[in-house]
Amino acid sequence: MDDVTLVVDRLDEKVYVIRSCDGDVPELAEYEVIQRLAAHQML
């Protein structure tokens, strides 16, 4: 997981695009940035 670079762009309210720069699709729930976004949406 450490060798994968994720790029997260906000497109609109509650709409994000997540790109993986190495071509593989990682388990997104394991990434801190995804956890923070999900927690923020739950508030």
N, C-alpha and C. Protein backbone atom coordinates (compact mmCIF):
# COMPACT_ATOMS: atom_id res chain seq x y z
N MET A 1 0.82 -1.18 0.00
CA MET A 1 0.00 0.00 0.00
C MET A 1 0.86 1.25 0.00
N ASP A 2 2.02 1.25 0.58
CA ASP A 2 2.87 2.44 0.65
C ASP A 2 3.41 2.86 -0.71
N ASP A 3 3.51 1.94 -1.65
CA ASP A 3 4.07 2.26 -2.95
C ASP A 3 3.04 2.75 -3.96
N VAL A 4 1.78 2.88 -3.54
CA VAL A 4 0.71 3.34 -4.42
C VAL A 4 0.44 4.81 -4.13
N THR A 5 0.38 5.60 -5.19
CA THR A 5 0.06 7.02 -5.05
C THR A 5 -1.38 7.25 -5.47
N LEU A 6 -2.17 7.82 -4.55
CA LEU A 6 -3.54 8.17 -4.86
C LEU A 6 -3.64 9.67 -5.05
N VAL A 7 -4.43 10.08 -6.01
CA VAL A 7 -4.72 11.49 -6.22
C VAL A 7 -6.22 11.65 -6.04
N VAL A 8 -6.62 12.52 -5.10
CA VAL A 8 -8.03 12.74 -4.82
C VAL A 8 -8.38 14.16 -5.22
N ASP A 9 -9.34 14.31 -6.12
CA ASP A 9 -9.81 15.62 -6.57
C ASP A 9 -11.27 15.77 -6.22
N ARG A 10 -11.62 16.92 -5.67
CA ARG A 10 -13.02 17.19 -5.37
C ARG A 10 -13.66 17.82 -6.59
N LEU A 11 -14.73 17.22 -7.08
CA LEU A 11 -15.44 17.73 -8.24
C LEU A 11 -16.61 18.61 -7.85
N ASP A 12 -17.28 18.25 -6.78
CA ASP A 12 -18.47 18.95 -6.33
C ASP A 12 -18.71 18.52 -4.89
N GLU A 13 -19.77 19.04 -4.30
CA GLU A 13 -20.09 18.64 -2.93
C GLU A 13 -20.39 17.14 -2.91
N LYS A 14 -19.64 16.41 -2.11
CA LYS A 14 -19.78 14.96 -1.95
C LYS A 14 -19.43 14.17 -3.21
N VAL A 15 -18.72 14.79 -4.15
CA VAL A 15 -18.32 14.09 -5.38
C VAL A 15 -16.81 14.22 -5.53
N TYR A 16 -16.13 13.09 -5.49
CA TYR A 16 -14.68 13.05 -5.58
C TYR A 16 -14.28 12.08 -6.67
N VAL A 17 -13.15 12.35 -7.30
CA VAL A 17 -12.56 11.38 -8.22
C VAL A 17 -11.24 10.95 -7.60
N ILE A 18 -11.00 9.66 -7.61
CA ILE A 18 -9.80 9.09 -7.01
C ILE A 18 -9.04 8.36 -8.10
N ARG A 19 -7.79 8.77 -8.29
CA ARG A 19 -6.96 8.16 -9.32
C ARG A 19 -5.77 7.46 -8.68
N SER A 20 -5.47 6.30 -9.18
CA SER A 20 -4.30 5.55 -8.75
C SER A 20 -3.24 5.72 -9.82
N CYS A 21 -2.07 6.22 -9.44
CA CYS A 21 -1.03 6.56 -10.42
C CYS A 21 -0.20 5.37 -10.88
N ASP A 22 -0.38 4.20 -10.31
CA ASP A 22 0.42 3.06 -10.74
C ASP A 22 -0.37 2.05 -11.56
N GLY A 23 -1.64 2.33 -11.82
CA GLY A 23 -2.44 1.45 -12.67
C GLY A 23 -3.24 0.40 -11.93
N ASP A 24 -2.90 0.10 -10.70
CA ASP A 24 -3.65 -0.88 -9.92
C ASP A 24 -4.77 -0.19 -9.14
N VAL A 25 -5.83 -0.92 -8.87
CA VAL A 25 -6.92 -0.39 -8.06
C VAL A 25 -6.74 -0.92 -6.64
N PRO A 26 -6.35 -0.04 -5.72
CA PRO A 26 -6.11 -0.49 -4.35
C PRO A 26 -7.42 -0.60 -3.57
N GLU A 27 -7.36 -1.20 -2.41
CA GLU A 27 -8.50 -1.25 -1.49
C GLU A 27 -8.62 0.14 -0.86
N LEU A 28 -9.51 0.96 -1.38
CA LEU A 28 -9.58 2.37 -1.02
C LEU A 28 -9.89 2.61 0.46
N ALA A 29 -10.67 1.74 1.07
CA ALA A 29 -11.04 1.94 2.47
C ALA A 29 -9.84 1.91 3.40
N GLU A 30 -8.70 1.40 2.96
CA GLU A 30 -7.51 1.32 3.81
C GLU A 30 -6.71 2.62 3.83
N TYR A 31 -7.03 3.57 2.97
CA TYR A 31 -6.25 4.80 2.88
C TYR A 31 -6.80 5.88 3.80
N GLU A 32 -5.89 6.57 4.47
CA GLU A 32 -6.27 7.61 5.44
C GLU A 32 -7.11 8.70 4.79
N VAL A 33 -6.75 9.13 3.61
CA VAL A 33 -7.49 10.21 2.96
C VAL A 33 -8.94 9.79 2.70
N ILE A 34 -9.16 8.56 2.35
CA ILE A 34 -10.52 8.06 2.11
C ILE A 34 -11.29 7.99 3.42
N GLN A 35 -10.63 7.54 4.47
CA GLN A 35 -11.27 7.47 5.78
C GLN A 35 -11.66 8.86 6.28
N ARG A 36 -10.78 9.86 6.05
CA ARG A 36 -11.09 11.23 6.47
C ARG A 36 -12.28 11.79 5.69
N LEU A 37 -12.30 11.57 4.39
CA LEU A 37 -13.42 12.06 3.58
C LEU A 37 -14.73 11.42 4.01
N ALA A 38 -14.70 10.13 4.26
CA ALA A 38 -15.92 9.42 4.69
C ALA A 38 -16.38 9.92 6.05
N ALA A 39 -15.45 10.13 6.96
CA ALA A 39 -15.82 10.63 8.29
C ALA A 39 -16.40 12.03 8.20
N HIS A 40 -15.81 12.85 7.34
CA HIS A 40 -16.30 14.22 7.17
C HIS A 40 -17.73 14.23 6.61
N GLN A 41 -18.03 13.33 5.69
CA GLN A 41 -19.37 13.26 5.10
C GLN A 41 -20.40 12.78 6.11
N MET A 42 -19.96 12.04 7.13
CA MET A 42 -20.90 11.53 8.14
C MET A 42 -21.29 12.60 9.15
N LEU A 43 -20.54 13.69 9.21
CA LEU A 43 -20.86 14.76 10.17
C LEU A 43 -22.07 15.54 9.80
